[in-house]
Amino acid sequence: MTEHLLFFTNKNWKKQVASNHFDIVVVGAGALGTSCAYELAKHNHKVALFDQFSAPHHFGSSYGETRLFRQAYFEDERYIPFLKESYELWKIWETEFAVDLFHETGYLTFFDQESDIALKMTQNAKKWSISGAHYNNKQLKQKFPMFTINSSLRGYCEEHAGFLNVNLFLKSCLKQLISKGGKVFFNEKVCSWKKEQQGYQITTEKGNYSCDKIIFTVGAWLRNLTSLCEMKLTIRRGVQFWVDVPPLLPKKMPCFAFATNKDYVFGFPSFSKKGIKIASYHPSNTVDDLDKARESYTKEEWNAVRDLASQFFPWLPLTPDNFHVCIYTLTSDEDFILDYSKNDRNIILLGGGSGHAFKFSPFLAKQVSDFFICGKDIPQNLQFFTLR
């Protein structure tokens, strides 16, 4: 299913490693793990990145073609300064990678008077000086004819929002990591680690390695590492759907969201031959078996998206043309996890992305590279990410 997307394999680029010792081993090559490995290698640390699969794989959350980037965060305004810095860092990474990762389309939210989400979003935009424009119903119909809009709706469009190209980012970041001397080991599951007098011994399915420090960015598999993470994590399905667009529909459109009657569906303009992408903000059923193939969606999952989205796109088909099942790792408070292992400042955990961590990748990687190497305290502004 994913064979054509494998950007790198050990056979293609893995060279003989003179020494199996590394300054830092990163376990998990999703967006966060790859970002941390690159940022550390960029600062001349000897880094190894391990993953039990090949990248990008469809079992984690760093998959699905695109991810939204926005700054007028309605979830928790403590994240907004991180998003502002992330915005600048994504631009820097685009220059370093020499690719266009961020497509600044704007983010248009349609809302009614029942939407608490829209109220909080617009309040935070004003408080934090985030550029955007308000539209009344008449203005929406004139400026955005690709949507069918009923008479009770208003809109807000965040100017400097848009989407990130997931696969291009992973490909480019891995390429740059390797160019900085980082080593990548795909299809090589880390089975155990043991603290030694100096550093750690890492045992994988294929060999033994040693390192001074370890970063665990294993996504949903953090739930299985109970010796490191005592917090209960809930894993849920987040299904993304693609539908073909009618030939006469305007091609240029912003990222969008429909926030009505307490529901929230968001989507992306057509970026590939798959058409537009739409998904529910709220993840659905829990996932018990992380290794189980996710080759189907339920009628309820599609209807939760279609019932709302079809009010704006009456041409939506009865079934989607394509889909992908992503998995959300939810902490009890839905904040990230960024903390040292208990009584050990040479191991750090980064995860609990709750479906919204991708956009923060360069910021979180920079934070880890700043304080983890020296074993400093978690910065005060990140303390609400700690486990204790």
Protein backbone atom coordinates (compact mmCIF):
# COMPACT_ATOMS: atom_id res chain seq x y z
CA MET A 1 0.00 0.00 0.00
CA THR A 2 2.80 2.47 0.76
CA GLU A 3 5.61 0.95 -1.28
CA HIS A 4 5.63 3.76 -3.85
CA LEU A 5 6.05 6.36 -1.09
CA LEU A 6 9.20 5.00 0.49
CA PHE A 7 11.64 7.86 0.00
CA PHE A 8 14.59 6.09 1.59
CA THR A 9 15.54 2.52 2.38
CA ASN A 10 18.57 1.18 4.17
CA LYS A 11 19.66 -0.44 0.92
CA ASN A 12 19.59 2.86 -0.94
CA TRP A 13 21.61 5.04 1.35
CA LYS A 14 22.77 3.31 4.51
CA LYS A 15 26.55 3.34 4.66
CA GLN A 16 28.80 1.32 6.86
CA VAL A 17 28.91 3.05 10.24
CA ALA A 18 32.42 3.26 11.61
CA SER A 19 31.13 3.35 15.16
CA ASN A 20 27.81 2.30 16.63
CA HIS A 21 28.02 5.00 19.28
CA PHE A 22 25.97 8.19 18.96
CA ASP A 23 25.52 11.35 20.98
CA ILE A 24 21.74 11.06 20.67
CA VAL A 25 19.43 8.30 19.51
CA VAL A 26 15.96 9.39 18.40
CA VAL A 27 13.35 6.64 18.45
CA GLY A 28 10.47 7.35 16.07
CA ALA A 29 10.76 9.01 12.66
CA GLY A 30 7.50 10.90 12.42
CA ALA A 31 7.38 14.67 12.11
CA LEU A 32 8.61 15.33 15.66
CA GLY A 33 11.37 12.73 15.69
CA THR A 34 12.69 13.68 12.26
CA SER A 35 12.60 17.37 13.20
CA CYS A 36 14.51 16.80 16.44
CA ALA A 37 17.11 14.62 14.71
CA TYR A 38 17.69 17.25 12.02
CA GLU A 39 17.91 20.17 14.44
CA LEU A 40 20.45 18.31 16.59
CA ALA A 41 22.53 17.14 13.62
CA LYS A 42 22.52 20.72 12.32
CA HIS A 43 24.32 21.68 15.55
CA ASN A 44 27.03 19.05 15.02
CA HIS A 45 25.68 16.32 17.26
CA LYS A 46 26.10 12.73 16.15
CA VAL A 47 22.53 11.52 15.75
CA ALA A 48 20.84 8.23 14.87
CA LEU A 49 17.15 8.07 13.98
CA PHE A 50 15.32 4.73 14.31
CA ASP A 51 11.86 3.67 13.20
CA GLN A 52 10.15 0.30 13.11
CA PHE A 53 8.66 1.22 9.70
CA SER A 54 9.82 3.09 6.61
CA ALA A 55 8.94 6.74 6.17
CA PRO A 56 6.40 7.96 5.53
CA HIS A 57 4.19 5.14 6.80
CA HIS A 58 0.42 5.11 7.22
CA PHE A 59 0.39 3.77 10.78
CA GLY A 60 1.25 7.02 12.54
CA SER A 61 -0.08 10.56 12.41
CA SER A 62 2.54 12.10 10.07
CA TYR A 63 0.73 11.04 6.93
CA GLY A 64 -2.12 12.20 4.76
CA GLU A 65 -0.55 14.66 2.31
CA THR A 66 -1.29 17.96 4.09
CA ARG A 67 -1.50 19.50 7.56
CA LEU A 68 -3.12 22.76 8.53
CA PHE A 69 -1.11 25.68 9.88
CA ARG A 70 -2.95 28.42 11.76
CA GLN A 71 -2.11 30.83 14.55
CA ALA A 72 -5.49 32.07 15.86
CA TYR A 73 -5.69 29.07 18.15
CA PHE A 74 -9.05 28.56 19.83
CA GLU A 75 -7.91 25.49 21.81
CA ASP A 76 -5.51 27.23 24.20
CA GLU A 77 -3.92 30.63 23.77
CA ARG A 78 -0.76 29.47 25.56
CA TYR A 79 0.14 27.80 22.25
CA ILE A 80 -0.07 30.99 20.23
CA PRO A 81 3.47 32.30 20.97
CA PHE A 82 4.78 28.87 19.91
CA LEU A 83 2.81 29.13 16.67
CA LYS A 84 4.16 32.59 15.95
CA GLU A 85 7.70 31.26 16.33
CA SER A 86 6.82 28.14 14.32
CA TYR A 87 5.64 30.35 11.46
CA GLU A 88 9.07 31.98 11.26
CA LEU A 89 10.89 28.67 11.66
CA TRP A 90 8.95 27.02 8.84
CA LYS A 91 10.11 29.86 6.59
CA ILE A 92 13.70 29.26 7.71
CA TRP A 93 13.40 25.54 7.05
CA GLU A 94 12.04 26.23 3.58
CA THR A 95 15.22 28.18 2.88
CA GLU A 96 17.45 25.49 4.39
CA PHE A 97 15.69 22.70 2.47
CA ALA A 98 15.30 24.79 -0.72
CA VAL A 99 11.67 23.66 -1.15
CA ASP A 100 8.21 25.15 -0.74
CA LEU A 101 6.74 23.48 2.33
CA PHE A 102 4.13 26.02 3.42
CA HIS A 103 1.30 27.10 1.12
CA GLU A 104 -0.16 30.31 2.56
CA THR A 105 -3.72 30.04 1.22
CA GLY A 106 -5.50 31.65 4.15
CA TYR A 107 -7.92 29.82 6.44
CA LEU A 108 -11.60 30.68 6.07
CA THR A 109 -13.97 29.68 8.85
CA PHE A 110 -17.73 29.82 8.34
CA PHE A 111 -19.65 30.08 11.57
CA ASP A 112 -23.06 30.71 13.07
CA GLN A 113 -24.04 32.24 16.39
CA GLU A 114 -23.80 28.84 18.10
CA SER A 115 -20.06 28.47 17.46
CA ASP A 116 -17.91 28.81 20.58
CA ILE A 117 -14.92 27.86 18.41
CA ALA A 118 -15.31 30.86 16.12
CA LEU A 119 -15.79 33.23 19.06
CA LYS A 120 -12.61 32.08 20.78
CA MET A 121 -10.66 32.08 17.51
CA THR A 122 -11.57 35.66 16.63
CA GLN A 123 -10.98 36.86 20.18
CA ASN A 124 -7.48 35.33 20.19
CA ALA A 125 -6.74 36.76 16.75
CA LYS A 126 -7.53 40.26 18.00
CA LYS A 127 -5.65 39.83 21.30
CA TRP A 128 -2.50 38.47 19.63
CA SER A 129 -2.55 40.76 16.56
CA ILE A 130 -3.02 37.93 14.08
CA SER A 131 -3.93 39.26 10.63
CA GLY A 132 -7.34 38.34 9.31
CA ALA A 133 -10.57 39.63 7.82
CA HIS A 134 -14.22 39.39 8.88
CA TYR A 135 -16.94 38.87 6.29
CA ASN A 136 -20.68 39.30 6.48
CA ASN A 137 -22.95 36.94 4.57
CA LYS A 138 -23.13 39.06 1.43
CA GLN A 139 -19.35 39.49 1.29
CA LEU A 140 -18.82 35.74 1.70
CA LYS A 141 -21.05 34.97 -1.25
CA GLN A 142 -19.28 37.52 -3.43
CA LYS A 143 -15.69 36.61 -2.53
CA PHE A 144 -15.99 32.84 -2.15
CA PRO A 145 -18.40 31.55 -4.81
CA MET A 146 -17.02 28.02 -4.58
CA PHE A 147 -19.02 27.58 -1.36
CA THR A 148 -22.81 27.43 -1.04
CA ILE A 149 -23.59 29.69 1.91
CA ASN A 150 -26.89 30.04 3.74
CA SER A 151 -28.11 33.41 4.97
CA SER A 152 -27.28 32.97 8.65
CA LEU A 153 -23.51 32.50 8.30
CA ARG A 154 -20.59 34.87 8.74
CA GLY A 155 -16.91 34.25 8.14
CA TYR A 156 -13.40 34.97 9.31
CA CYS A 157 -10.29 34.36 7.21
CA GLU A 158 -6.89 34.18 8.89
CA GLU A 159 -4.48 35.72 6.41
CA HIS A 160 -1.19 33.96 7.13
CA ALA A 161 -2.61 30.46 7.53
CA GLY A 162 -2.51 27.59 5.06
CA PHE A 163 -1.22 24.08 4.73
CA LEU A 164 2.08 22.22 5.02
CA ASN A 165 3.18 19.58 2.52
CA VAL A 166 3.66 16.53 4.75
CA ASN A 167 5.48 14.16 2.42
CA LEU A 168 7.78 16.81 0.97
CA PHE A 169 8.71 17.90 4.48
CA LEU A 170 9.62 14.38 5.60
CA LYS A 171 11.58 13.71 2.44
CA SER A 172 13.47 17.02 2.64
CA CYS A 173 14.14 16.84 6.37
CA LEU A 174 15.53 13.31 6.11
CA LYS A 175 17.72 14.34 3.19
CA GLN A 176 19.12 17.28 5.15
CA LEU A 177 19.59 15.14 8.26
CA ILE A 178 21.72 12.69 6.29
CA SER A 179 23.68 15.52 4.67
CA LYS A 180 24.56 16.74 8.21
CA GLY A 181 25.95 13.33 9.11
CA GLY A 182 22.86 11.87 10.76
CA LYS A 183 22.21 8.13 10.39
CA VAL A 184 18.74 6.77 9.71
CA PHE A 185 17.68 3.19 10.41
CA PHE A 186 14.28 2.29 8.98
CA ASN A 187 12.50 -1.04 9.43
CA GLU A 188 14.55 -1.50 12.58
CA LYS A 189 12.51 -1.70 15.75
CA VAL A 190 14.14 -0.70 19.04
CA CYS A 191 13.52 -3.64 21.35
CA SER A 192 15.18 -2.44 24.56
CA TRP A 193 17.55 0.06 26.12
CA LYS A 194 19.72 -0.34 29.19
CA LYS A 195 21.48 2.28 31.26
CA GLU A 196 25.19 1.63 31.61
CA GLN A 197 27.95 3.33 33.56
CA GLN A 198 28.32 5.76 30.67
CA GLY A 199 25.27 6.20 28.48
CA TYR A 200 22.91 3.53 27.20
CA GLN A 201 22.99 0.31 25.26
CA ILE A 202 20.30 0.18 22.56
CA THR A 203 19.19 -3.20 21.24
CA THR A 204 17.21 -3.39 18.02
CA GLU A 205 15.95 -6.26 15.89
CA LYS A 206 19.14 -5.99 13.84
CA GLY A 207 21.95 -4.97 16.14
CA ASN A 208 23.35 -3.19 19.17
CA TYR A 209 24.20 0.50 19.53
CA SER A 210 25.23 2.85 22.29
CA CYS A 211 24.47 6.49 22.96
CA ASP A 212 24.68 9.23 25.55
CA LYS A 213 21.05 10.39 25.35
CA ILE A 214 17.71 9.13 24.00
CA ILE A 215 14.68 10.98 22.63
CA PHE A 216 11.45 9.01 22.37
CA THR A 217 9.06 10.37 19.75
CA VAL A 218 7.12 7.18 19.13
CA GLY A 219 3.62 8.63 18.78
CA ALA A 220 0.85 6.27 19.81
CA TRP A 221 3.40 3.60 20.79
CA LEU A 222 4.27 5.76 23.80
CA ARG A 223 1.21 4.12 25.34
CA ASN A 224 3.18 0.86 25.49
CA LEU A 225 6.20 2.41 27.25
CA THR A 226 4.68 2.41 30.71
CA SER A 227 8.10 2.41 32.38
CA LEU A 228 8.69 5.87 30.88
CA CYS A 229 5.24 7.40 30.63
CA GLU A 230 2.87 6.91 33.54
CA MET A 231 0.18 9.09 31.98
CA LYS A 232 -2.81 7.29 30.48
CA LEU A 233 -3.05 7.93 26.74
CA THR A 234 -6.10 7.45 24.55
CA ILE A 235 -5.62 6.59 20.89
CA ARG A 236 -8.42 7.56 18.49
CA ARG A 237 -9.09 7.36 14.77
CA GLY A 238 -9.11 10.55 12.74
CA VAL A 239 -10.31 9.82 9.22
CA GLN A 240 -9.37 12.13 6.34
CA PHE A 241 -11.43 12.02 3.14
CA TRP A 242 -10.72 13.19 -0.42
CA VAL A 243 -13.36 13.97 -3.03
CA ASP A 244 -13.05 15.01 -6.67
CA VAL A 245 -14.25 18.52 -7.42
CA PRO A 246 -16.60 19.53 -10.26
CA PRO A 247 -14.75 20.91 -13.32
CA LEU A 248 -16.37 24.35 -13.02
CA LEU A 249 -15.47 24.86 -9.37
CA PRO A 250 -12.81 27.61 -8.97
CA LYS A 251 -9.42 25.98 -8.45
CA LYS A 252 -8.04 28.64 -6.15
CA MET A 253 -9.55 28.51 -2.68
CA PRO A 254 -8.40 28.85 0.93
CA CYS A 255 -8.21 26.17 3.54
CA PHE A 256 -11.63 26.16 5.16
CA ALA A 257 -13.68 25.17 8.17
CA PHE A 258 -17.38 24.84 8.88
CA ALA A 259 -18.20 25.64 12.52
CA THR A 260 -21.95 25.32 12.97
CA ASN A 261 -24.23 23.82 15.61
CA LYS A 262 -21.20 22.93 17.75
CA ASP A 263 -19.81 20.78 14.91
CA TYR A 264 -16.48 21.46 13.25
CA VAL A 265 -15.32 20.12 9.88
CA PHE A 266 -12.20 21.47 8.18
CA GLY A 267 -10.61 21.00 4.80
CA PHE A 268 -7.97 21.80 2.21
CA PRO A 269 -8.04 22.99 -1.39
CA SER A 270 -7.21 20.49 -4.10
CA PHE A 271 -3.49 19.86 -3.84
CA SER A 272 -3.13 16.72 -5.91
CA LYS A 273 -5.18 14.57 -8.22
CA LYS A 274 -7.08 13.37 -5.14
CA GLY A 275 -9.21 16.53 -4.99
CA ILE A 276 -10.17 18.46 -1.87
CA LYS A 277 -9.57 16.96 1.55
CA ILE A 278 -12.10 17.18 4.41
CA ALA A 279 -12.12 15.80 7.94
CA SER A 280 -13.85 16.17 11.27
CA TYR A 281 -11.99 18.01 13.99
CA HIS A 282 -13.22 15.47 16.52
CA PRO A 283 -11.55 12.03 16.34
CA SER A 284 -13.88 9.05 16.44
CA ASN A 285 -13.48 5.49 17.71
CA THR A 286 -10.64 4.39 19.96
CA VAL A 287 -7.81 2.26 18.60
CA ASP A 288 -6.89 -0.81 20.61
CA ASP A 289 -4.46 -2.59 18.28
CA LEU A 290 -1.84 -0.16 16.96
CA ASP A 291 -0.52 -2.63 14.40
CA LYS A 292 -3.90 -3.41 12.86
CA ALA A 293 -4.32 -2.35 9.24
CA ARG A 294 -6.58 0.66 8.74
CA GLU A 295 -8.03 -0.11 5.33
CA SER A 296 -11.63 0.93 5.88
CA TYR A 297 -13.78 3.67 7.34
CA THR A 298 -17.22 3.44 8.90
CA LYS A 299 -20.42 4.92 7.54
CA GLU A 300 -20.69 6.97 10.71
CA GLU A 301 -17.21 8.48 10.21
CA TRP A 302 -18.01 9.60 6.67
CA ASN A 303 -21.48 10.88 7.54
CA ALA A 304 -20.10 12.98 10.40
CA VAL A 305 -18.10 14.87 7.77
CA ARG A 306 -20.48 14.76 4.81
CA ASP A 307 -23.62 15.85 6.68
CA LEU A 308 -22.05 19.21 7.47
CA ALA A 309 -19.76 19.65 4.46
CA SER A 310 -22.55 18.94 1.94
CA GLN A 311 -24.35 22.08 3.10
CA PHE A 312 -21.44 24.03 1.59
CA PHE A 313 -20.64 21.58 -1.21
CA PRO A 314 -24.00 20.20 -2.44
CA TRP A 315 -22.15 18.25 -5.13
CA LEU A 316 -20.40 15.98 -2.60
CA PRO A 317 -20.71 12.32 -3.63
CA LEU A 318 -22.42 9.72 -1.48
CA THR A 319 -19.05 8.06 -0.87
CA PRO A 320 -15.55 9.57 -0.82
CA ASP A 321 -13.08 8.97 -3.61
CA ASN A 322 -10.21 8.28 -1.20
CA PHE A 323 -9.49 8.25 2.52
CA HIS A 324 -6.81 7.74 5.14
CA VAL A 325 -7.13 6.72 8.78
CA CYS A 326 -4.81 8.77 10.98
CA ILE A 327 -4.36 8.08 14.69
CA TYR A 328 -4.56 10.76 17.38
CA THR A 329 -2.63 10.31 20.62
CA LEU A 330 -4.67 12.11 23.26
CA THR A 331 -3.39 13.00 26.71
CA SER A 332 -5.92 13.52 29.49
CA ASP A 333 -5.72 17.31 29.08
CA GLU A 334 -4.98 17.15 25.31
CA ASP A 335 -1.71 19.03 25.80
CA PHE A 336 1.58 17.73 24.44
CA ILE A 337 4.05 15.67 26.44
CA LEU A 338 7.53 17.15 26.68
CA ASP A 339 9.37 15.92 29.73
CA TYR A 340 12.35 14.01 31.05
CA SER A 341 12.01 10.42 32.07
CA LYS A 342 11.57 10.10 35.80
CA ASN A 343 14.91 10.67 37.59
CA ASP A 344 16.84 10.66 34.30
CA ARG A 345 17.71 13.80 32.38
CA ASN A 346 19.36 11.86 29.58
CA ILE A 347 16.02 10.52 28.31
CA ILE A 348 13.25 12.79 27.10
CA LEU A 349 9.72 12.06 25.88
CA LEU A 350 7.99 14.11 23.20
CA GLY A 351 4.51 13.18 22.06
CA GLY A 352 0.85 13.29 22.92
CA GLY A 353 0.32 15.39 19.82
CA SER A 354 -3.47 15.05 19.99
CA GLY A 355 -3.71 15.53 16.25
CA HIS A 356 -2.26 19.03 16.23
CA ALA A 357 1.50 18.70 16.80
CA PHE A 358 2.72 18.69 13.20
CA LYS A 359 2.58 22.48 12.81
CA PHE A 360 4.75 22.89 15.91
CA SER A 361 7.54 20.59 14.69
CA PRO A 362 10.31 23.18 14.13
CA PHE A 363 9.52 24.98 17.38
CA LEU A 364 9.53 21.83 19.51
CA ALA A 365 12.71 20.55 17.82
CA LYS A 366 14.46 23.84 18.54
CA GLN A 367 13.37 23.76 22.17
CA VAL A 368 14.68 20.21 22.63
CA SER A 369 18.00 21.05 21.00
CA ASP A 370 18.37 24.10 23.28
CA PHE A 371 17.86 22.50 26.69
CA PHE A 372 18.15 18.71 26.39
CA ILE A 373 21.84 18.52 25.51
CA CYS A 374 22.81 20.32 28.71
CA GLY A 375 20.15 18.65 30.87
CA LYS A 376 18.60 21.99 31.77
CA ASP A 377 15.17 22.38 33.32
CA ILE A 378 12.17 22.33 31.01
CA PRO A 379 11.63 26.03 30.13
CA GLN A 380 8.98 27.73 32.24
CA ASN A 381 6.70 28.44 29.29
CA LEU A 382 6.66 24.71 28.46
CA GLN A 383 6.04 23.47 31.98
CA PHE A 384 2.40 22.64 31.22
CA PHE A 385 3.69 19.90 28.87
CA THR A 386 5.43 18.00 31.67
CA LEU A 387 4.16 14.74 33.13
CA ARG A 388 4.47 15.72 36.77
